[in-house]
Protein backbone atom coordinates (compact mmCIF):
# COMPACT_ATOMS: atom_id res chain seq x y z
CA MET A 1 -0.06 -0.08 0.04
CA THR A 2 1.15 3.39 -0.78
CA THR A 3 1.01 5.59 2.07
CA LEU A 4 0.00 9.25 1.52
CA THR A 5 2.48 11.63 3.27
CA LYS A 6 0.76 14.92 4.51
CA HIS A 7 2.82 17.88 3.74
CA LYS A 8 3.27 20.24 6.30
CA PRO A 9 2.92 24.09 5.35
CA PRO A 10 6.21 25.94 5.22
CA ALA A 11 7.13 27.63 8.57
CA PRO A 12 6.36 31.36 8.48
CA ALA A 13 9.57 33.65 7.77
CA PRO A 14 10.63 35.36 11.11
CA ARG A 15 8.96 39.05 11.31
CA SER A 16 11.57 41.52 10.93
CA ARG A 17 11.42 44.51 13.37
CA PRO A 18 9.01 47.12 12.02
CA ALA A 19 10.78 49.76 10.12
CA ASN A 20 10.55 53.40 11.23
CA ARG A 21 7.65 54.86 9.40
CA ARG A 22 9.40 58.28 8.92
CA GLY A 23 12.63 56.50 7.75
CA THR A 24 14.70 58.76 10.04
CA SER A 25 16.36 58.26 13.25
CA PRO A 26 15.39 59.89 16.43
CA ALA A 27 18.33 62.17 16.39
CA LEU A 28 17.54 63.37 12.96
CA ARG A 29 13.94 64.07 13.77
CA ALA A 30 15.32 66.10 16.75
CA GLU A 31 17.65 68.26 14.62
CA ARG A 32 14.76 68.89 12.11
CA SER A 33 12.48 69.90 15.01
CA VAL A 34 15.03 72.31 16.20
CA ALA A 35 15.61 73.82 12.67
CA ARG A 36 11.78 73.99 12.32
CA SER A 37 11.55 75.98 15.53
CA ILE A 38 14.43 78.31 14.44
CA GLY A 39 12.74 78.89 11.03
CA VAL A 40 9.49 79.63 12.69
CA VAL A 41 11.08 82.15 15.05
CA LEU A 42 12.81 83.87 12.21
CA LEU A 43 9.72 83.85 10.23
CA TRP A 44 7.69 85.66 13.01
CA GLY A 45 10.68 87.99 13.40
CA VAL A 46 10.34 89.22 9.79
CA VAL A 47 6.50 89.45 10.15
CA ALA A 48 7.00 91.49 13.27
CA ILE A 49 9.71 93.85 11.54
CA SER A 50 7.26 94.15 8.70
CA ILE A 51 4.46 95.20 10.80
CA GLY A 52 6.49 97.49 12.80
CA MET A 53 7.68 99.26 9.72
CA LEU A 54 4.29 99.85 8.45
CA VAL A 55 3.15 101.19 11.71
CA TRP A 56 6.12 103.43 11.86
CA MET A 57 5.42 104.70 8.22
CA LEU A 58 1.88 105.32 9.02
CA LEU A 59 2.84 107.37 12.27
CA GLN A 60 5.40 109.50 10.48
CA ALA A 61 2.69 110.45 7.73
CA PHE A 62 1.12 112.50 10.62
CA ARG A 63 4.39 114.48 11.43
CA ASP A 64 6.13 117.43 9.76
CA THR A 65 9.68 117.24 8.40
CA ARG A 66 11.34 119.18 11.01
CA ALA A 67 9.87 116.72 13.84
CA ILE A 68 10.79 113.58 11.65
CA LEU A 69 14.42 114.73 11.14
CA SER A 70 14.99 115.71 14.91
CA ASN A 71 13.38 112.49 16.32
CA PRO A 72 12.58 109.77 13.65
CA TRP A 73 11.07 107.37 16.21
CA GLY A 74 8.89 109.87 17.92
CA MET A 75 4.94 109.97 17.85
CA PRO A 76 2.58 112.44 16.35
CA GLU A 77 1.26 115.13 18.35
CA SER A 78 -2.10 115.05 16.60
CA LEU A 79 -3.58 113.12 13.77
CA ASP A 80 -3.61 116.09 11.36
CA MET A 81 -4.47 115.18 7.73
CA VAL A 82 -2.31 117.98 6.07
CA ASN A 83 0.34 115.82 4.72
CA PHE A 84 -2.29 113.48 2.98
CA VAL A 85 -4.13 116.62 1.63
CA ARG A 86 -0.66 118.05 0.29
CA ALA A 87 0.44 114.42 -1.24
CA TRP A 88 -3.20 114.14 -2.67
CA THR A 89 -3.12 117.53 -4.36
CA ALA A 90 0.50 118.22 -5.12
CA SER A 91 1.05 115.19 -7.38
CA ASP A 92 -2.53 114.81 -8.54
CA PHE A 93 -2.99 111.46 -6.62
CA ALA A 94 -6.72 111.90 -7.20
CA THR A 95 -6.41 111.22 -11.07
CA ALA A 96 -3.67 108.56 -10.32
CA THR A 97 -5.79 106.60 -8.06
CA PHE A 98 -8.63 106.57 -10.52
CA ASN A 99 -6.23 105.48 -13.23
CA SER A 100 -4.86 102.71 -10.85
CA VAL A 101 -8.27 101.52 -9.96
CA VAL A 102 -9.53 101.38 -13.43
CA THR A 103 -6.35 99.65 -14.78
CA THR A 104 -6.06 97.18 -12.00
CA GLY A 105 -9.57 96.22 -12.05
CA VAL A 106 -9.90 95.80 -15.80
CA SER A 107 -6.67 93.99 -16.35
CA SER A 108 -7.08 91.60 -13.38
CA PHE A 109 -10.81 90.74 -14.22
CA LEU A 110 -9.78 90.13 -17.97
CA THR A 111 -6.73 88.09 -16.93
CA VAL A 112 -8.71 85.64 -14.91
CA ALA A 113 -11.63 85.55 -17.51
CA ILE A 114 -9.36 84.61 -20.16
CA ALA A 115 -6.98 82.37 -18.25
CA ALA A 116 -9.72 80.18 -16.58
CA PRO A 117 -11.24 78.40 -19.62
CA ALA A 118 -7.71 77.96 -21.05
CA ALA A 119 -6.68 76.26 -17.72
CA TYR A 120 -9.66 74.16 -17.68
CA TYR A 121 -9.11 72.96 -21.05
CA LEU A 122 -5.40 72.23 -20.17
CA SER A 123 -6.35 70.42 -17.06
CA ARG A 124 -8.92 68.04 -18.76
CA VAL A 125 -7.69 67.30 -22.02
CA GLU A 126 -4.33 65.27 -22.50
CA SER A 127 -2.74 65.55 -25.91
CA ARG A 128 0.56 66.67 -27.45
CA LEU A 129 -1.11 70.05 -28.20
CA THR A 130 -2.07 70.63 -24.45
CA GLY A 131 1.34 69.35 -23.45
CA ALA A 132 3.05 71.92 -25.79
CA LEU A 133 0.78 74.61 -24.57
CA SER A 134 1.42 73.89 -21.01
CA LEU A 135 5.16 73.97 -21.40
CA TYR A 136 4.75 77.36 -23.42
CA PHE A 137 2.90 78.88 -20.36
CA ILE A 138 5.60 77.57 -17.91
CA LEU A 139 8.49 78.96 -20.22
CA GLY A 140 6.58 82.22 -19.81
CA LEU A 141 7.02 82.24 -16.08
CA GLY A 142 10.80 82.19 -16.56
CA ILE A 143 11.05 85.42 -18.69
CA PRO A 144 11.65 88.64 -16.72
CA ALA A 145 9.72 91.77 -17.72
CA GLN A 146 13.20 93.58 -18.28
CA VAL A 147 14.08 91.29 -20.97
CA ILE A 148 10.85 92.06 -23.15
CA LEU A 149 10.65 95.68 -22.07
CA ILE A 150 12.47 97.24 -25.32
CA PRO A 151 10.66 94.85 -27.89
CA LEU A 152 7.52 95.46 -26.08
CA PHE A 153 7.80 99.44 -26.28
CA VAL A 154 8.62 99.11 -29.91
CA MET A 155 5.73 96.79 -30.85
CA LEU A 156 3.48 99.18 -28.82
CA ASN A 157 4.73 102.19 -30.44
CA GLU A 158 4.11 100.83 -33.97
CA ALA A 159 0.47 100.19 -32.88
CA HIS A 160 0.13 103.74 -31.31
CA LEU A 161 -0.64 102.21 -28.06
CA THR A 162 2.04 103.71 -26.03
CA ASP A 163 1.13 106.43 -23.46
CA SER A 164 -2.36 104.66 -23.34
CA LEU A 165 -4.10 103.06 -20.44
CA PHE A 166 -5.57 100.60 -22.93
CA GLY A 167 -2.06 99.55 -24.13
CA LEU A 168 -1.01 99.34 -20.44
CA ASN A 169 -4.07 96.78 -19.80
CA LEU A 170 -3.03 94.82 -22.76
CA VAL A 171 0.46 94.49 -21.36
CA TYR A 172 -0.67 93.58 -18.03
CA ILE A 173 -3.02 90.92 -19.30
CA GLY A 174 -0.21 89.42 -21.42
CA VAL A 175 2.49 89.60 -18.95
CA SER A 176 0.19 87.96 -16.11
CA MET A 177 -1.22 85.22 -18.13
CA PRO A 178 1.36 82.45 -17.90
CA PHE A 179 1.27 82.43 -13.98
CA THR A 180 -2.49 82.84 -13.88
CA VAL A 181 -2.95 79.78 -16.34
CA PHE A 182 -0.49 77.78 -14.41
CA LEU A 183 -2.06 78.37 -11.12
CA LEU A 184 -5.67 77.62 -12.26
CA THR A 185 -4.45 74.47 -14.07
CA ALA A 186 -3.16 73.19 -11.10
CA PHE A 187 -6.29 74.04 -9.16
CA PHE A 188 -8.75 72.47 -11.76
CA ARG A 189 -6.71 69.32 -11.66
CA SER A 190 -7.40 69.05 -7.97
CA LEU A 191 -11.23 69.23 -8.46
CA PRO A 192 -13.26 65.83 -8.57
CA LEU A 193 -14.31 64.67 -11.92
CA GLU A 194 -17.57 62.90 -10.78
CA MET A 195 -20.01 65.93 -10.96
CA GLU A 196 -18.70 66.77 -14.61
CA GLU A 197 -19.05 63.14 -15.73
CA ALA A 198 -22.59 63.17 -14.35
CA ALA A 199 -23.26 66.41 -16.14
CA ALA A 200 -22.14 64.95 -19.41
CA LEU A 201 -24.15 61.88 -19.14
CA ASP A 202 -27.17 64.37 -18.52
CA GLY A 203 -26.32 65.76 -22.06
CA ALA A 204 -24.70 69.06 -20.74
CA SER A 205 -22.15 70.58 -23.10
CA ALA A 206 -18.57 71.22 -22.11
CA LEU A 207 -19.23 75.08 -21.96
CA ARG A 208 -22.38 74.54 -19.79
CA THR A 209 -20.48 72.12 -17.43
CA PHE A 210 -17.66 74.51 -17.14
CA VAL A 211 -19.95 77.52 -16.41
CA GLN A 212 -22.60 75.72 -14.00
CA ILE A 213 -20.46 73.12 -12.51
CA THR A 214 -16.75 73.78 -12.33
CA LEU A 215 -16.57 77.56 -11.81
CA PRO A 216 -18.67 77.29 -8.69
CA LEU A 217 -16.40 74.66 -7.37
CA ALA A 218 -13.40 76.57 -8.33
CA LYS A 219 -14.45 80.10 -6.96
CA GLY A 220 -11.67 79.74 -4.32
CA GLY A 221 -8.95 79.42 -6.84
CA ILE A 222 -10.38 82.07 -9.13
CA LEU A 223 -10.54 84.54 -6.28
CA THR A 224 -7.01 83.65 -5.27
CA ALA A 225 -5.84 84.46 -8.81
CA PHE A 226 -7.81 87.67 -8.92
CA VAL A 227 -6.40 88.84 -5.52
CA LEU A 228 -2.87 88.08 -6.80
CA GLN A 229 -3.34 89.96 -9.96
CA VAL A 230 -4.93 92.95 -8.17
CA VAL A 231 -1.90 93.23 -5.80
CA SER A 232 0.61 92.57 -8.55
CA HIS A 233 -0.97 95.17 -11.10
CA TRP A 234 -1.56 97.83 -8.31
CA ASN A 235 2.08 97.87 -7.39
CA GLU A 236 3.67 97.58 -10.92
CA THR A 237 6.02 100.18 -11.57
CA LEU A 238 8.45 99.28 -14.46
CA LEU A 239 6.01 98.77 -17.30
CA ALA A 240 3.85 101.62 -16.30
CA LEU A 241 6.99 103.91 -15.98
CA THR A 242 8.12 102.75 -19.46
CA LEU A 243 4.91 102.92 -21.38
CA ILE A 244 3.23 105.98 -19.84
CA GLN A 245 4.50 109.67 -20.40
CA SER A 246 1.44 111.79 -19.77
CA THR A 247 0.99 113.08 -16.19
CA GLU A 248 -2.94 112.68 -16.53
CA LYS A 249 -2.44 109.01 -17.24
CA TYR A 250 0.00 108.13 -14.26
CA THR A 251 -0.98 105.35 -11.91
CA LEU A 252 -0.17 105.66 -8.30
CA PRO A 253 3.48 104.25 -8.25
CA ILE A 254 4.35 106.48 -11.03
CA ALA A 255 2.63 109.66 -9.50
CA LEU A 256 4.45 108.83 -6.31
CA ILE A 257 7.88 108.80 -7.98
CA SER A 258 6.88 112.13 -9.57
CA PHE A 259 5.90 113.47 -6.24
CA VAL A 260 9.40 112.35 -4.80
CA GLN A 261 11.11 113.97 -7.73
CA GLN A 262 9.30 117.29 -6.97
CA GLN A 263 10.35 117.10 -3.28
CA THR A 264 14.09 116.63 -4.38
CA TYR A 265 13.99 119.87 -6.17
CA SER A 266 11.84 121.78 -3.97
CA GLY A 267 13.16 120.39 -0.65
CA ALA A 268 12.29 117.23 0.99
CA ASP A 269 8.80 116.96 2.59
CA TRP A 270 9.20 113.62 4.48
CA GLY A 271 5.83 113.88 6.00
CA GLY A 272 4.26 114.23 2.54
CA LEU A 273 6.52 111.33 1.12
CA PHE A 274 5.11 109.18 4.12
CA ALA A 275 1.48 110.15 3.31
CA GLY A 276 2.00 109.31 -0.49
CA LEU A 277 3.47 105.92 0.55
CA CYS A 278 0.45 105.17 2.71
CA ILE A 279 -1.85 106.09 0.02
CA VAL A 280 -0.17 103.63 -2.19
CA VAL A 281 0.24 100.85 0.37
CA LEU A 282 -2.86 100.91 2.52
CA PRO A 283 -5.45 99.97 -0.06
CA MET A 284 -3.84 96.64 -0.91
CA LEU A 285 -3.18 95.96 2.59
CA ILE A 286 -7.00 96.42 3.36
CA VAL A 287 -7.58 94.11 0.52
CA TYR A 288 -5.26 91.49 1.65
CA VAL A 289 -6.62 91.60 5.38
CA TRP A 290 -10.19 91.40 3.98
CA LEU A 291 -9.52 88.58 1.59
CA GLY A 292 -6.57 86.94 3.02
CA HIS A 293 -8.24 83.86 4.44
CA HIS A 294 -9.81 83.16 0.85
CA LEU A 295 -6.26 83.64 -0.44
CA THR A 296 -4.72 81.11 1.78
CA GLU A 297 -7.63 78.80 1.22
CA GLY A 298 -7.40 78.85 -2.58
CA LEU A 299 -3.43 78.20 -2.51
CA THR A 300 -3.89 75.22 -0.28
CA LEU A 301 -6.73 73.71 -2.26
CA GLY A 302 -4.84 74.20 -5.51
CA MET A 303 -2.24 71.90 -4.15
CA GLY A 304 -4.67 69.02 -3.81
CA LYS A 305 -2.87 66.67 -6.47
């Protein structure tokens, strides 16, 4: 008779010690913790210095030149608005403020309005064309404005668009397009596809899906891109200084430079200069404080994938 031998299952391999999930030793983690703590302290130090300089600038705007030169760290005796009135009238800040508001609002809105559908297409369609276009926009991020300044001036001069707010708007839109498309493309890719697929099954067109489904979901990223463009266009100086020559078309940064030049020849009015700086800086500071949490949320959600 043939005896059947019962095969025993192979013995289980000895368990190895669980590896450190972080893959680092306790000493290395301690070093990173110390470095992180030092970085946080340095970061808060920079924030404190920046806030202190803003407060100091605002306080000096209420003092006269003699008091500032005699005691730069002194406090204002009264909240007199005479420096703001002089800065507002001497360099025609009223007209410059209107030009900055119009230019910043129009260029920022059109930049986001054009970049949003382009970014949506690049994030949803995968082909050689979209890959080449994405690379084209990425390359645009690495070209500084100083490199294209002279060719840009020559092109606008041939089109009779120099010394024109319309031409300045076109330049702002073109220069801002690579970053805005890159930001919104990353944000659209982080959004789920289920709702868009359901809308497509219901017979909705791509345009209707984008307007009614994707845009409401992407309002955080779109608001983030809009705020970033507003801050950038409001403070932009180089392009406006090169393309605008008429005083009545100055934006606020150029009007401030003109005011500084006037004070250089007529005697420095430090109180007026600080007031002019406040007029330029405070509106964007208010916008950031108002929409700062939306900005942080939009940048964080854009890193979802």
